[in-house]
Amino acid sequence: MSKWDDKAKRLLKSELIKRGISNSELVFLLNEIGIEETKASIDSKISRGSFSATFLLQCLTVIGCYKIEFENYENQIFIAAEPNQPYNKL
């Protein structure tokens, strides 16, 4: 896994965790906007970290993540954070 794949994977997983959304719930949310995915396909994509930018944007949109700020820390690790606002759980 490349360091970029790992960063993409960690970004998506962290946003899902912040909102308390499981991969099963993500399947449901994506299906609601016409994106046909299965839990197995999402598990695989997130595990690999090698998904398309389109998939990342679709996921972030359906979970309600509209702004991400990146901060560069030592060893080129990126941490994503949104402004301090309460999350609307689904």
C-alpha atoms as a PDB file:
ATOM      1  CA  MET A   1       0.000   0.000   0.000  1.00  0.00           C
ATOM      2  CA  SER A   2       1.419   3.384  -0.936  1.00  0.00           C
ATOM      3  CA  LYS A   3       1.588   6.173   1.614  1.00  0.00           C
ATOM      4  CA  TRP A   4      -1.071   8.033  -0.419  1.00  0.00           C
ATOM      5  CA  ASP A   5      -3.432   5.054  -0.360  1.00  0.00           C
ATOM      6  CA  ASP A   6      -2.910   4.842   3.394  1.00  0.00           C
ATOM      7  CA  LYS A   7      -3.686   8.551   3.816  1.00  0.00           C
ATOM      8  CA  ALA A   8      -6.883   8.259   1.748  1.00  0.00           C
ATOM      9  CA  LYS A   9      -7.964   5.216   3.739  1.00  0.00           C
ATOM     10  CA  ARG A  10      -7.280   6.920   7.081  1.00  0.00           C
ATOM     11  CA  LEU A  11      -9.100  10.072   5.990  1.00  0.00           C
ATOM     12  CA  LEU A  12     -12.282   8.219   5.014  1.00  0.00           C
ATOM     13  CA  LYS A  13     -12.200   5.930   8.048  1.00  0.00           C
ATOM     14  CA  SER A  14     -11.699   8.848  10.428  1.00  0.00           C
ATOM     15  CA  GLU A  15     -14.654  10.752   8.967  1.00  0.00           C
ATOM     16  CA  LEU A  16     -16.873   7.668   9.254  1.00  0.00           C
ATOM     17  CA  ILE A  17     -15.791   7.097  12.856  1.00  0.00           C
ATOM     18  CA  LYS A  18     -16.364  10.747  13.819  1.00  0.00           C
ATOM     19  CA  ARG A  19     -19.964  10.409  12.711  1.00  0.00           C
ATOM     20  CA  GLY A  20     -20.511   6.903  14.063  1.00  0.00           C
ATOM     21  CA  ILE A  21     -21.274   5.531  10.594  1.00  0.00           C
ATOM     22  CA  SER A  22     -20.489   1.894   9.850  1.00  0.00           C
ATOM     23  CA  ASN A  23     -19.636   0.483   6.440  1.00  0.00           C
ATOM     24  CA  SER A  24     -23.097  -1.131   6.362  1.00  0.00           C
ATOM     25  CA  GLU A  25     -24.709   2.257   6.912  1.00  0.00           C
ATOM     26  CA  LEU A  26     -22.454   3.742   4.229  1.00  0.00           C
ATOM     27  CA  VAL A  27     -23.785   1.154   1.760  1.00  0.00           C
ATOM     28  CA  PHE A  28     -27.333   2.269   2.543  1.00  0.00           C
ATOM     29  CA  LEU A  29     -26.479   5.976   2.180  1.00  0.00           C
ATOM     30  CA  LEU A  30     -24.695   5.434  -1.140  1.00  0.00           C
ATOM     31  CA  ASN A  31     -27.544   3.301  -2.465  1.00  0.00           C
ATOM     32  CA  GLU A  32     -29.961   6.122  -1.625  1.00  0.00           C
ATOM     33  CA  ILE A  33     -28.185   8.407  -4.114  1.00  0.00           C
ATOM     34  CA  GLY A  34     -27.988   5.704  -6.781  1.00  0.00           C
ATOM     35  CA  ILE A  35     -24.474   4.404  -6.104  1.00  0.00           C
ATOM     36  CA  GLU A  36     -24.661   0.618  -6.142  1.00  0.00           C
ATOM     37  CA  GLU A  37     -22.170  -0.806  -3.647  1.00  0.00           C
ATOM     38  CA  THR A  38     -22.141  -3.804  -1.370  1.00  0.00           C
ATOM     39  CA  LYS A  39     -20.677  -4.018   2.110  1.00  0.00           C
ATOM     40  CA  ALA A  40     -18.016  -6.397   0.788  1.00  0.00           C
ATOM     41  CA  SER A  41     -16.996  -3.981  -1.976  1.00  0.00           C
ATOM     42  CA  ILE A  42     -16.793  -1.055   0.444  1.00  0.00           C
ATOM     43  CA  ASP A  43     -14.858  -3.110   3.002  1.00  0.00           C
ATOM     44  CA  SER A  44     -12.402  -4.068   0.269  1.00  0.00           C
ATOM     45  CA  LYS A  45     -11.989  -0.539  -1.125  1.00  0.00           C
ATOM     46  CA  ILE A  46     -11.425   1.001   2.283  1.00  0.00           C
ATOM     47  CA  SER A  47      -9.082  -1.791   3.360  1.00  0.00           C
ATOM     48  CA  ARG A  48      -6.944  -1.323   0.227  1.00  0.00           C
ATOM     49  CA  GLY A  49      -7.167   2.453   0.336  1.00  0.00           C
ATOM     50  CA  SER A  50      -6.929   2.494  -3.450  1.00  0.00           C
ATOM     51  CA  PHE A  51     -10.309   3.937  -4.352  1.00  0.00           C
ATOM     52  CA  SER A  52     -11.103   6.703  -6.802  1.00  0.00           C
ATOM     53  CA  ALA A  53     -11.481  10.353  -5.922  1.00  0.00           C
ATOM     54  CA  THR A  54     -15.062   9.993  -7.132  1.00  0.00           C
ATOM     55  CA  PHE A  55     -15.751   7.282  -4.547  1.00  0.00           C
ATOM     56  CA  LEU A  56     -14.156   9.384  -1.808  1.00  0.00           C
ATOM     57  CA  LEU A  57     -16.290  12.422  -2.734  1.00  0.00           C
ATOM     58  CA  GLN A  58     -19.451  10.300  -2.885  1.00  0.00           C
ATOM     59  CA  CYS A  59     -18.756   8.893   0.574  1.00  0.00           C
ATOM     60  CA  LEU A  60     -17.890  12.242   2.126  1.00  0.00           C
ATOM     61  CA  THR A  61     -21.010  13.806   0.622  1.00  0.00           C
ATOM     62  CA  VAL A  62     -23.456  11.165   1.868  1.00  0.00           C
ATOM     63  CA  ILE A  63     -22.033  11.271   5.392  1.00  0.00           C
ATOM     64  CA  GLY A  64     -22.322  15.057   5.487  1.00  0.00           C
ATOM     65  CA  CYS A  65     -18.645  15.990   5.341  1.00  0.00           C
ATOM     66  CA  TYR A  66     -18.388  19.138   3.258  1.00  0.00           C
ATOM     67  CA  LYS A  67     -15.161  20.698   4.503  1.00  0.00           C
ATOM     68  CA  ILE A  68     -11.818  19.181   5.393  1.00  0.00           C
ATOM     69  CA  GLU A  69      -8.744  21.012   6.611  1.00  0.00           C
ATOM     70  CA  PHE A  70      -5.356  19.341   6.304  1.00  0.00           C
ATOM     71  CA  GLU A  71      -2.553  20.007   8.717  1.00  0.00           C
ATOM     72  CA  ASN A  72       0.933  18.821   7.914  1.00  0.00           C
ATOM     73  CA  TYR A  73       2.762  17.208  10.810  1.00  0.00           C
ATOM     74  CA  GLU A  74       6.132  15.553  11.099  1.00  0.00           C
ATOM     75  CA  ASN A  75       6.820  12.654   8.743  1.00  0.00           C
ATOM     76  CA  GLN A  76       4.336  14.052   6.222  1.00  0.00           C
ATOM     77  CA  ILE A  77       1.334  12.629   8.061  1.00  0.00           C
ATOM     78  CA  PHE A  78      -1.863  14.483   7.282  1.00  0.00           C
ATOM     79  CA  ILE A  79      -4.537  14.945   9.892  1.00  0.00           C
ATOM     80  CA  ALA A  80      -8.004  15.917   8.731  1.00  0.00           C
ATOM     81  CA  ALA A  81     -10.229  18.068  10.840  1.00  0.00           C
ATOM     82  CA  GLU A  82     -13.447  19.969  10.419  1.00  0.00           C
ATOM     83  CA  PRO A  83     -14.492  23.057  12.332  1.00  0.00           C
ATOM     84  CA  ASN A  84     -15.823  22.381  15.819  1.00  0.00           C
ATOM     85  CA  GLN A  85     -19.509  21.890  15.106  1.00  0.00           C
ATOM     86  CA  PRO A  86     -21.835  19.221  16.399  1.00  0.00           C
ATOM     87  CA  TYR A  87     -22.395  16.382  13.953  1.00  0.00           C
ATOM     88  CA  ASN A  88     -25.875  15.436  12.856  1.00  0.00           C
ATOM     89  CA  LYS A  89     -26.090  11.699  13.276  1.00  0.00           C
ATOM     90  CA  LEU A  90     -28.303   9.881  10.839  1.00  0.00           C
END
